[in-house]
PDB file of all heavy atoms in Angstrom:
ATOM      1  N   THR A   1      -1.269   4.755  -8.649  1.00  0.00           N
ATOM      2  CA  THR A   1      -0.551   4.419  -9.855  1.00  0.00           C
ATOM      3  C   THR A   1       0.605   5.349 -10.158  1.00  0.00           C
ATOM      4  O   THR A   1       1.098   5.425 -11.279  1.00  0.00           O
ATOM      5  CB  THR A   1      -1.536   4.493 -11.097  1.00  0.00           C
ATOM      6  OG1 THR A   1      -2.081   5.799 -11.071  1.00  0.00           O
ATOM      7  CG2 THR A   1      -2.682   3.448 -10.917  1.00  0.00           C
ATOM      8  N   ALA A   2       1.075   6.099  -9.165  1.00  0.00           N
ATOM      9  CA  ALA A   2       2.061   7.102  -9.255  1.00  0.00           C
ATOM     10  C   ALA A   2       3.479   6.504  -8.868  1.00  0.00           C
ATOM     11  O   ALA A   2       4.232   5.974  -9.685  1.00  0.00           O
ATOM     12  CB  ALA A   2       1.829   8.289  -8.394  1.00  0.00           C
ATOM     13  N   ARG A   3       3.841   6.508  -7.565  1.00  0.00           N
ATOM     14  CA  ARG A   3       5.138   5.967  -7.139  1.00  0.00           C
ATOM     15  C   ARG A   3       4.909   5.346  -5.722  1.00  0.00           C
ATOM     16  O   ARG A   3       4.116   5.906  -4.935  1.00  0.00           O
ATOM     17  CB  ARG A   3       6.184   7.084  -7.047  1.00  0.00           C
ATOM     18  CG  ARG A   3       6.825   7.397  -8.342  1.00  0.00           C
ATOM     19  CD  ARG A   3       7.640   6.164  -8.900  1.00  0.00           C
ATOM     20  NE  ARG A   3       8.274   6.510 -10.220  1.00  0.00           N
ATOM     21  CZ  ARG A   3       7.740   6.215 -11.367  1.00  0.00           C
ATOM     22  NH1 ARG A   3       6.428   5.770 -11.418  1.00  0.00           N
ATOM     23  NH2 ARG A   3       8.340   6.515 -12.505  1.00  0.00           N
ATOM     24  N   GLY A   4       5.592   4.252  -5.554  1.00  0.00           N
ATOM     25  CA  GLY A   4       5.334   3.487  -4.299  1.00  0.00           C
ATOM     26  C   GLY A   4       5.524   4.123  -2.924  1.00  0.00           C
ATOM     27  O   GLY A   4       4.732   4.059  -2.058  1.00  0.00           O
ATOM     28  N   ASN A   5       6.569   4.983  -2.866  1.00  0.00           N
ATOM     29  CA  ASN A   5       6.917   5.569  -1.611  1.00  0.00           C
ATOM     30  C   ASN A   5       6.007   6.763  -1.186  1.00  0.00           C
ATOM     31  O   ASN A   5       6.216   7.368  -0.226  1.00  0.00           O
ATOM     32  CB  ASN A   5       8.415   5.984  -1.572  1.00  0.00           C
ATOM     33  CG  ASN A   5       9.281   4.901  -1.123  1.00  0.00           C
ATOM     34  OD1 ASN A   5       8.965   4.257  -0.065  1.00  0.00           O
ATOM     35  ND2 ASN A   5      10.336   4.614  -1.852  1.00  0.00           N
ATOM     36  N   ILE A   6       5.041   7.118  -2.022  1.00  0.00           N
ATOM     37  CA  ILE A   6       4.057   8.093  -1.697  1.00  0.00           C
ATOM     38  C   ILE A   6       3.207   7.547  -0.536  1.00  0.00           C
ATOM     39  O   ILE A   6       2.689   8.281   0.258  1.00  0.00           O
ATOM     40  CB  ILE A   6       3.252   8.582  -2.896  1.00  0.00           C
ATOM     41  CG1 ILE A   6       4.194   9.261  -3.911  1.00  0.00           C
ATOM     42  CG2 ILE A   6       2.118   9.450  -2.443  1.00  0.00           C
ATOM     43  CD1 ILE A   6       3.494   9.522  -5.254  1.00  0.00           C
ATOM     44  N   ILE A   7       3.066   6.204  -0.500  1.00  0.00           N
ATOM     45  CA  ILE A   7       2.253   5.574   0.523  1.00  0.00           C
ATOM     46  C   ILE A   7       3.166   4.832   1.499  1.00  0.00           C
ATOM     47  O   ILE A   7       4.148   4.160   1.025  1.00  0.00           O
ATOM     48  CB  ILE A   7       1.289   4.529  -0.101  1.00  0.00           C
ATOM     49  CG1 ILE A   7       0.161   5.227  -0.911  1.00  0.00           C
ATOM     50  CG2 ILE A   7       0.643   3.700   1.002  1.00  0.00           C
ATOM     51  CD1 ILE A   7      -0.853   4.313  -1.519  1.00  0.00           C
ATOM     52  N   ASP A   8       2.894   4.998   2.767  1.00  0.00           N
ATOM     53  CA  ASP A   8       3.642   4.234   3.820  1.00  0.00           C
ATOM     54  C   ASP A   8       2.957   2.832   3.769  1.00  0.00           C
ATOM     55  O   ASP A   8       1.841   2.711   4.243  1.00  0.00           O
ATOM     56  CB  ASP A   8       3.414   4.901   5.171  1.00  0.00           C
ATOM     57  CG  ASP A   8       4.053   4.173   6.282  1.00  0.00           C
ATOM     58  OD1 ASP A   8       4.384   2.970   6.124  1.00  0.00           O
ATOM     59  OD2 ASP A   8       4.258   4.774   7.393  1.00  0.00           O
ATOM     60  N   GLU A   9       3.657   1.889   3.232  1.00  0.00           N
ATOM     61  CA  GLU A   9       2.966   0.524   2.984  1.00  0.00           C
ATOM     62  C   GLU A   9       2.679  -0.209   4.337  1.00  0.00           C
ATOM     63  O   GLU A   9       1.660  -0.935   4.384  1.00  0.00           O
ATOM     64  CB  GLU A   9       3.924  -0.247   2.110  1.00  0.00           C
ATOM     65  CG  GLU A   9       4.005   0.231   0.651  1.00  0.00           C
ATOM     66  CD  GLU A   9       4.918  -0.633  -0.201  1.00  0.00           C
ATOM     67  OE1 GLU A   9       5.518  -1.607   0.352  1.00  0.00           O
ATOM     68  OE2 GLU A   9       5.079  -0.290  -1.443  1.00  0.00           O
ATOM     69  N   GLU A  10       3.461   0.130   5.337  1.00  0.00           N
ATOM     70  CA  GLU A  10       3.162  -0.542   6.586  1.00  0.00           C
ATOM     71  C   GLU A  10       1.842  -0.032   7.142  1.00  0.00           C
ATOM     72  O   GLU A  10       0.991  -0.763   7.642  1.00  0.00           O
ATOM     73  CB  GLU A  10       4.309  -0.314   7.614  1.00  0.00           C
ATOM     74  CG  GLU A  10       4.081  -1.011   8.941  1.00  0.00           C
ATOM     75  CD  GLU A  10       5.273  -0.747   9.888  1.00  0.00           C
ATOM     76  OE1 GLU A  10       6.376  -0.337   9.479  1.00  0.00           O
ATOM     77  OE2 GLU A  10       5.036  -0.946  11.105  1.00  0.00           O
ATOM     78  N   ALA A  11       1.722   1.290   7.026  1.00  0.00           N
ATOM     79  CA  ALA A  11       0.486   1.880   7.512  1.00  0.00           C
ATOM     80  C   ALA A  11      -0.755   1.492   6.717  1.00  0.00           C
ATOM     81  O   ALA A  11      -1.822   1.217   7.216  1.00  0.00           O
ATOM     82  CB  ALA A  11       0.597   3.432   7.502  1.00  0.00           C
ATOM     83  N   LEU A  12      -0.539   1.359   5.378  1.00  0.00           N
ATOM     84  CA  LEU A  12      -1.629   0.895   4.522  1.00  0.00           C
ATOM     85  C   LEU A  12      -1.983  -0.540   4.859  1.00  0.00           C
ATOM     86  O   LEU A  12      -3.275  -0.827   4.902  1.00  0.00           O
ATOM     87  CB  LEU A  12      -1.176   0.960   2.991  1.00  0.00           C
ATOM     88  CG  LEU A  12      -2.148   0.421   1.954  1.00  0.00           C
ATOM     89  CD1 LEU A  12      -3.424   1.348   2.012  1.00  0.00           C
ATOM     90  CD2 LEU A  12      -1.528   0.327   0.593  1.00  0.00           C
ATOM     91  N   TYR A  13      -1.058  -1.380   5.072  1.00  0.00           N
ATOM     92  CA  TYR A  13      -1.363  -2.785   5.453  1.00  0.00           C
ATOM     93  C   TYR A  13      -2.239  -2.832   6.717  1.00  0.00           C
ATOM     94  O   TYR A  13      -3.222  -3.510   6.760  1.00  0.00           O
ATOM     95  CB  TYR A  13      -0.059  -3.564   5.654  1.00  0.00           C
ATOM     96  CG  TYR A  13      -0.302  -4.926   6.363  1.00  0.00           C
ATOM     97  CD1 TYR A  13      -0.812  -5.961   5.636  1.00  0.00           C
ATOM     98  CD2 TYR A  13       0.040  -5.036   7.687  1.00  0.00           C
ATOM     99  CE1 TYR A  13      -0.993  -7.222   6.268  1.00  0.00           C
ATOM    100  CE2 TYR A  13      -0.177  -6.351   8.339  1.00  0.00           C
ATOM    101  CZ  TYR A  13      -0.717  -7.355   7.596  1.00  0.00           C
ATOM    102  OH  TYR A  13      -0.947  -8.571   8.221  1.00  0.00           O
ATOM    103  N   GLU A  14      -1.811  -2.081   7.704  1.00  0.00           N
ATOM    104  CA  GLU A  14      -2.551  -2.035   8.950  1.00  0.00           C
ATOM    105  C   GLU A  14      -3.979  -1.529   8.764  1.00  0.00           C
ATOM    106  O   GLU A  14      -4.964  -2.077   9.328  1.00  0.00           O
ATOM    107  CB  GLU A  14      -1.787  -1.165  10.067  1.00  0.00           C
ATOM    108  CG  GLU A  14      -0.465  -1.798  10.410  1.00  0.00           C
ATOM    109  CD  GLU A  14       0.362  -0.840  11.300  1.00  0.00           C
ATOM    110  OE1 GLU A  14      -0.243   0.256  11.606  1.00  0.00           O
ATOM    111  OE2 GLU A  14       1.482  -1.268  11.773  1.00  0.00           O
ATOM    112  N   ALA A  15      -4.109  -0.519   8.021  1.00  0.00           N
ATOM    113  CA  ALA A  15      -5.464   0.103   7.685  1.00  0.00           C
ATOM    114  C   ALA A  15      -6.346  -0.966   7.022  1.00  0.00           C
ATOM    115  O   ALA A  15      -7.547  -1.018   7.305  1.00  0.00           O
ATOM    116  CB  ALA A  15      -5.335   1.367   6.939  1.00  0.00           C
ATOM    117  N   LEU A  16      -5.773  -1.643   6.075  1.00  0.00           N
ATOM    118  CA  LEU A  16      -6.588  -2.683   5.325  1.00  0.00           C
ATOM    119  C   LEU A  16      -6.867  -3.862   6.221  1.00  0.00           C
ATOM    120  O   LEU A  16      -8.003  -4.353   6.222  1.00  0.00           O
ATOM    121  CB  LEU A  16      -5.791  -3.074   4.052  1.00  0.00           C
ATOM    122  CG  LEU A  16      -5.605  -2.019   2.964  1.00  0.00           C
ATOM    123  CD1 LEU A  16      -4.617  -2.506   1.922  1.00  0.00           C
ATOM    124  CD2 LEU A  16      -6.977  -1.752   2.265  1.00  0.00           C
ATOM    125  N   LYS A  17      -5.921  -4.393   6.942  1.00  0.00           N
ATOM    126  CA  LYS A  17      -6.081  -5.521   7.767  1.00  0.00           C
ATOM    127  C   LYS A  17      -7.121  -5.295   8.865  1.00  0.00           C
ATOM    128  O   LYS A  17      -7.966  -6.162   9.152  1.00  0.00           O
ATOM    129  CB  LYS A  17      -4.754  -5.889   8.378  1.00  0.00           C
ATOM    130  CG  LYS A  17      -4.759  -7.243   9.194  1.00  0.00           C
ATOM    131  CD  LYS A  17      -3.355  -7.590   9.663  1.00  0.00           C
ATOM    132  CE  LYS A  17      -3.409  -8.959  10.390  1.00  0.00           C
ATOM    133  NZ  LYS A  17      -4.146  -8.906  11.640  1.00  0.00           N
ATOM    134  N   GLU A  18      -7.081  -4.105   9.394  1.00  0.00           N
ATOM    135  CA  GLU A  18      -8.024  -3.803  10.532  1.00  0.00           C
ATOM    136  C   GLU A  18      -9.418  -3.304   9.992  1.00  0.00           C
ATOM    137  O   GLU A  18     -10.322  -3.036  10.807  1.00  0.00           O
ATOM    138  CB  GLU A  18      -7.431  -2.744  11.385  1.00  0.00           C
ATOM    139  CG  GLU A  18      -6.157  -3.115  12.109  1.00  0.00           C
ATOM    140  CD  GLU A  18      -6.252  -4.339  12.978  1.00  0.00           C
ATOM    141  OE1 GLU A  18      -7.375  -4.491  13.631  1.00  0.00           O
ATOM    142  OE2 GLU A  18      -5.403  -5.173  13.006  1.00  0.00           O
ATOM    143  N   GLY A  19      -9.586  -3.207   8.688  1.00  0.00           N
ATOM    144  CA  GLY A  19     -10.842  -2.792   8.093  1.00  0.00           C
ATOM    145  C   GLY A  19     -11.085  -1.289   8.302  1.00  0.00           C
ATOM    146  O   GLY A  19     -12.204  -0.776   8.221  1.00  0.00           O
ATOM    147  N   GLN A  20      -9.986  -0.556   8.538  1.00  0.00           N
ATOM    148  CA  GLN A  20     -10.087   0.954   8.727  1.00  0.00           C
ATOM    149  C   GLN A  20     -10.516   1.591   7.448  1.00  0.00           C
ATOM    150  O   GLN A  20     -11.278   2.574   7.512  1.00  0.00           O
ATOM    151  CB  GLN A  20      -8.734   1.488   9.202  1.00  0.00           C
ATOM    152  CG  GLN A  20      -8.722   2.906   9.618  1.00  0.00           C
ATOM    153  CD  GLN A  20      -7.388   3.315  10.077  1.00  0.00           C
ATOM    154  OE1 GLN A  20      -6.576   2.565  10.509  1.00  0.00           O
ATOM    155  NE2 GLN A  20      -7.109   4.645   9.952  1.00  0.00           N
ATOM    156  N   ILE A  21     -10.115   1.032   6.267  1.00  0.00           N
ATOM    157  CA  ILE A  21     -10.545   1.457   5.029  1.00  0.00           C
ATOM    158  C   ILE A  21     -11.033   0.216   4.250  1.00  0.00           C
ATOM    159  O   ILE A  21     -10.581  -0.912   4.633  1.00  0.00           O
ATOM    160  CB  ILE A  21      -9.580   2.212   4.205  1.00  0.00           C
ATOM    161  CG1 ILE A  21      -8.284   1.420   3.885  1.00  0.00           C
ATOM    162  CG2 ILE A  21      -9.128   3.520   4.908  1.00  0.00           C
ATOM    163  CD1 ILE A  21      -7.279   2.075   2.948  1.00  0.00           C
ATOM    164  N   ALA A  22     -11.804   0.365   3.220  1.00  0.00           N
ATOM    165  CA  ALA A  22     -12.379  -0.861   2.587  1.00  0.00           C
ATOM    166  C   ALA A  22     -11.469  -1.548   1.631  1.00  0.00           C
ATOM    167  O   ALA A  22     -11.528  -2.735   1.413  1.00  0.00           O
ATOM    168  CB  ALA A  22     -13.640  -0.398   1.793  1.00  0.00           C
ATOM    169  N   GLY A  23     -10.582  -0.809   0.969  1.00  0.00           N
ATOM    170  CA  GLY A  23      -9.711  -1.383   0.011  1.00  0.00           C
ATOM    171  C   GLY A  23      -8.712  -0.512  -0.578  1.00  0.00           C
ATOM    172  O   GLY A  23      -8.667   0.694  -0.406  1.00  0.00           O
ATOM    173  N   ALA A  24      -7.756  -1.091  -1.312  1.00  0.00           N
ATOM    174  CA  ALA A  24      -6.684  -0.379  -1.978  1.00  0.00           C
ATOM    175  C   ALA A  24      -6.339  -1.059  -3.217  1.00  0.00           C
ATOM    176  O   ALA A  24      -6.225  -2.247  -3.354  1.00  0.00           O
ATOM    177  CB  ALA A  24      -5.436  -0.158  -1.057  1.00  0.00           C
ATOM    178  N   GLY A  25      -6.023  -0.222  -4.283  1.00  0.00           N
ATOM    179  CA  GLY A  25      -5.524  -0.730  -5.551  1.00  0.00           C
ATOM    180  C   GLY A  25      -4.133  -0.099  -5.682  1.00  0.00           C
ATOM    181  O   GLY A  25      -3.990   1.106  -5.840  1.00  0.00           O
ATOM    182  N   VAL A  26      -3.097  -0.985  -5.801  1.00  0.00           N
ATOM    183  CA  VAL A  26      -1.801  -0.476  -5.858  1.00  0.00           C
ATOM    184  C   VAL A  26      -0.960  -1.149  -6.978  1.00  0.00           C
ATOM    185  O   VAL A  26      -0.930  -2.305  -7.161  1.00  0.00           O
ATOM    186  CB  VAL A  26      -0.985  -0.823  -4.427  1.00  0.00           C
ATOM    187  CG1 VAL A  26       0.330  -0.233  -4.445  1.00  0.00           C
ATOM    188  CG2 VAL A  26      -1.830  -0.455  -3.276  1.00  0.00           C
ATOM    189  N   ASP A  27      -0.443  -0.198  -7.852  1.00  0.00           N
ATOM    190  CA  ASP A  27       0.285  -0.626  -8.990  1.00  0.00           C
ATOM    191  C   ASP A  27       1.787  -0.408  -8.832  1.00  0.00           C
ATOM    192  O   ASP A  27       2.546  -0.873  -9.632  1.00  0.00           O
ATOM    193  CB  ASP A  27      -0.244   0.059 -10.264  1.00  0.00           C
ATOM    194  CG  ASP A  27       0.391  -0.426 -11.509  1.00  0.00           C
ATOM    195  OD1 ASP A  27       0.345  -1.620 -11.788  1.00  0.00           O
ATOM    196  OD2 ASP A  27       0.957   0.398 -12.252  1.00  0.00           O
ATOM    197  N   VAL A  28       2.193   0.358  -7.839  1.00  0.00           N
ATOM    198  CA  VAL A  28       3.543   0.803  -7.603  1.00  0.00           C
ATOM    199  C   VAL A  28       3.931   0.554  -6.118  1.00  0.00           C
ATOM    200  O   VAL A  28       3.082   0.727  -5.285  1.00  0.00           O
ATOM    201  CB  VAL A  28       3.731   2.203  -8.048  1.00  0.00           C
ATOM    202  CG1 VAL A  28       3.748   2.428  -9.527  1.00  0.00           C
ATOM    203  CG2 VAL A  28       2.719   3.148  -7.361  1.00  0.00           C
ATOM    204  N   PHE A  29       5.212   0.220  -5.898  1.00  0.00           N
ATOM    205  CA  PHE A  29       5.628  -0.222  -4.563  1.00  0.00           C
ATOM    206  C   PHE A  29       6.938   0.403  -4.211  1.00  0.00           C
ATOM    207  O   PHE A  29       7.746   0.792  -5.133  1.00  0.00           O
ATOM    208  CB  PHE A  29       5.639  -1.728  -4.465  1.00  0.00           C
ATOM    209  CG  PHE A  29       4.361  -2.374  -4.881  1.00  0.00           C
ATOM    210  CD1 PHE A  29       4.046  -2.714  -6.247  1.00  0.00           C
ATOM    211  CD2 PHE A  29       3.397  -2.568  -3.851  1.00  0.00           C
ATOM    212  CE1 PHE A  29       2.901  -3.305  -6.489  1.00  0.00           C
ATOM    213  CE2 PHE A  29       2.158  -3.153  -4.248  1.00  0.00           C
ATOM    214  CZ  PHE A  29       1.875  -3.530  -5.539  1.00  0.00           C
ATOM    215  N   ALA A  30       7.233   0.508  -2.878  1.00  0.00           N
ATOM    216  CA  ALA A  30       8.456   1.055  -2.408  1.00  0.00           C
ATOM    217  C   ALA A  30       9.665   0.192  -2.930  1.00  0.00           C
ATOM    218  O   ALA A  30      10.739   0.733  -3.223  1.00  0.00           O
ATOM    219  CB  ALA A  30       8.458   1.021  -0.929  1.00  0.00           C
ATOM    220  N   GLN A  31       9.473  -1.063  -3.037  1.00  0.00           N
ATOM    221  CA  GLN A  31      10.444  -2.018  -3.620  1.00  0.00           C
ATOM    222  C   GLN A  31       9.813  -2.767  -4.677  1.00  0.00           C
ATOM    223  O   GLN A  31       8.757  -3.373  -4.542  1.00  0.00           O
ATOM    224  CB  GLN A  31      10.995  -2.992  -2.539  1.00  0.00           C
ATOM    225  CG  GLN A  31      12.101  -3.897  -3.047  1.00  0.00           C
ATOM    226  CD  GLN A  31      12.550  -4.840  -1.996  1.00  0.00           C
ATOM    227  OE1 GLN A  31      12.423  -4.583  -0.789  1.00  0.00           O
ATOM    228  NE2 GLN A  31      13.118  -5.976  -2.422  1.00  0.00           N
ATOM    229  N   GLU A  32      10.453  -2.762  -5.923  1.00  0.00           N
ATOM    230  CA  GLU A  32       9.961  -3.509  -7.114  1.00  0.00           C
ATOM    231  C   GLU A  32      11.072  -4.346  -7.638  1.00  0.00           C
ATOM    232  O   GLU A  32      12.174  -3.883  -7.851  1.00  0.00           O
ATOM    233  CB  GLU A  32       9.429  -2.551  -8.091  1.00  0.00           C
ATOM    234  CG  GLU A  32       8.209  -1.647  -7.609  1.00  0.00           C
ATOM    235  CD  GLU A  32       7.687  -0.754  -8.695  1.00  0.00           C
ATOM    236  OE1 GLU A  32       8.201  -0.736  -9.775  1.00  0.00           O
ATOM    237  OE2 GLU A  32       6.600  -0.086  -8.352  1.00  0.00           O
ATOM    238  N   PRO A  33      10.718  -5.683  -7.942  1.00  0.00           N
ATOM    239  CA  PRO A  33       9.411  -6.268  -7.746  1.00  0.00           C
ATOM    240  C   PRO A  33       8.976  -6.368  -6.241  1.00  0.00           C
ATOM    241  O   PRO A  33       9.888  -6.298  -5.370  1.00  0.00           O
ATOM    242  CB  PRO A  33       9.673  -7.682  -8.265  1.00  0.00           C
ATOM    243  CG  PRO A  33      10.784  -7.613  -9.119  1.00  0.00           C
ATOM    244  CD  PRO A  33      11.699  -6.539  -8.504  1.00  0.00           C
ATOM    245  N   LEU A  34       7.720  -6.481  -5.978  1.00  0.00           N
ATOM    246  CA  LEU A  34       7.191  -6.537  -4.635  1.00  0.00           C
ATOM    247  C   LEU A  34       7.678  -7.805  -4.058  1.00  0.00           C
ATOM    248  O   LEU A  34       7.528  -8.880  -4.603  1.00  0.00           O
ATOM    249  CB  LEU A  34       5.744  -6.530  -4.661  1.00  0.00           C
ATOM    250  CG  LEU A  34       5.013  -6.557  -3.331  1.00  0.00           C
ATOM    251  CD1 LEU A  34       5.234  -5.344  -2.571  1.00  0.00           C
ATOM    252  CD2 LEU A  34       3.474  -6.781  -3.571  1.00  0.00           C
ATOM    253  N   PRO A  35       8.345  -7.769  -2.847  1.00  0.00           N
ATOM    254  CA  PRO A  35       8.887  -8.944  -2.181  1.00  0.00           C
ATOM    255  C   PRO A  35       7.824 -10.023  -2.029  1.00  0.00           C
ATOM    256  O   PRO A  35       6.674  -9.708  -1.646  1.00  0.00           O
ATOM    257  CB  PRO A  35       9.456  -8.447  -0.915  1.00  0.00           C
ATOM    258  CG  PRO A  35       9.779  -7.028  -1.161  1.00  0.00           C
ATOM    259  CD  PRO A  35       8.670  -6.529  -2.123  1.00  0.00           C
TER     260      PRO A  35
END
């Protein structure tokens, strides 16, 4: 809930898609509005 670019969104997507982590709650994004 801080700022989008603190997380590498590509890496987050991969981790979620592959089940490497169970989930993510994201309120802020590198680009807003989220494409």
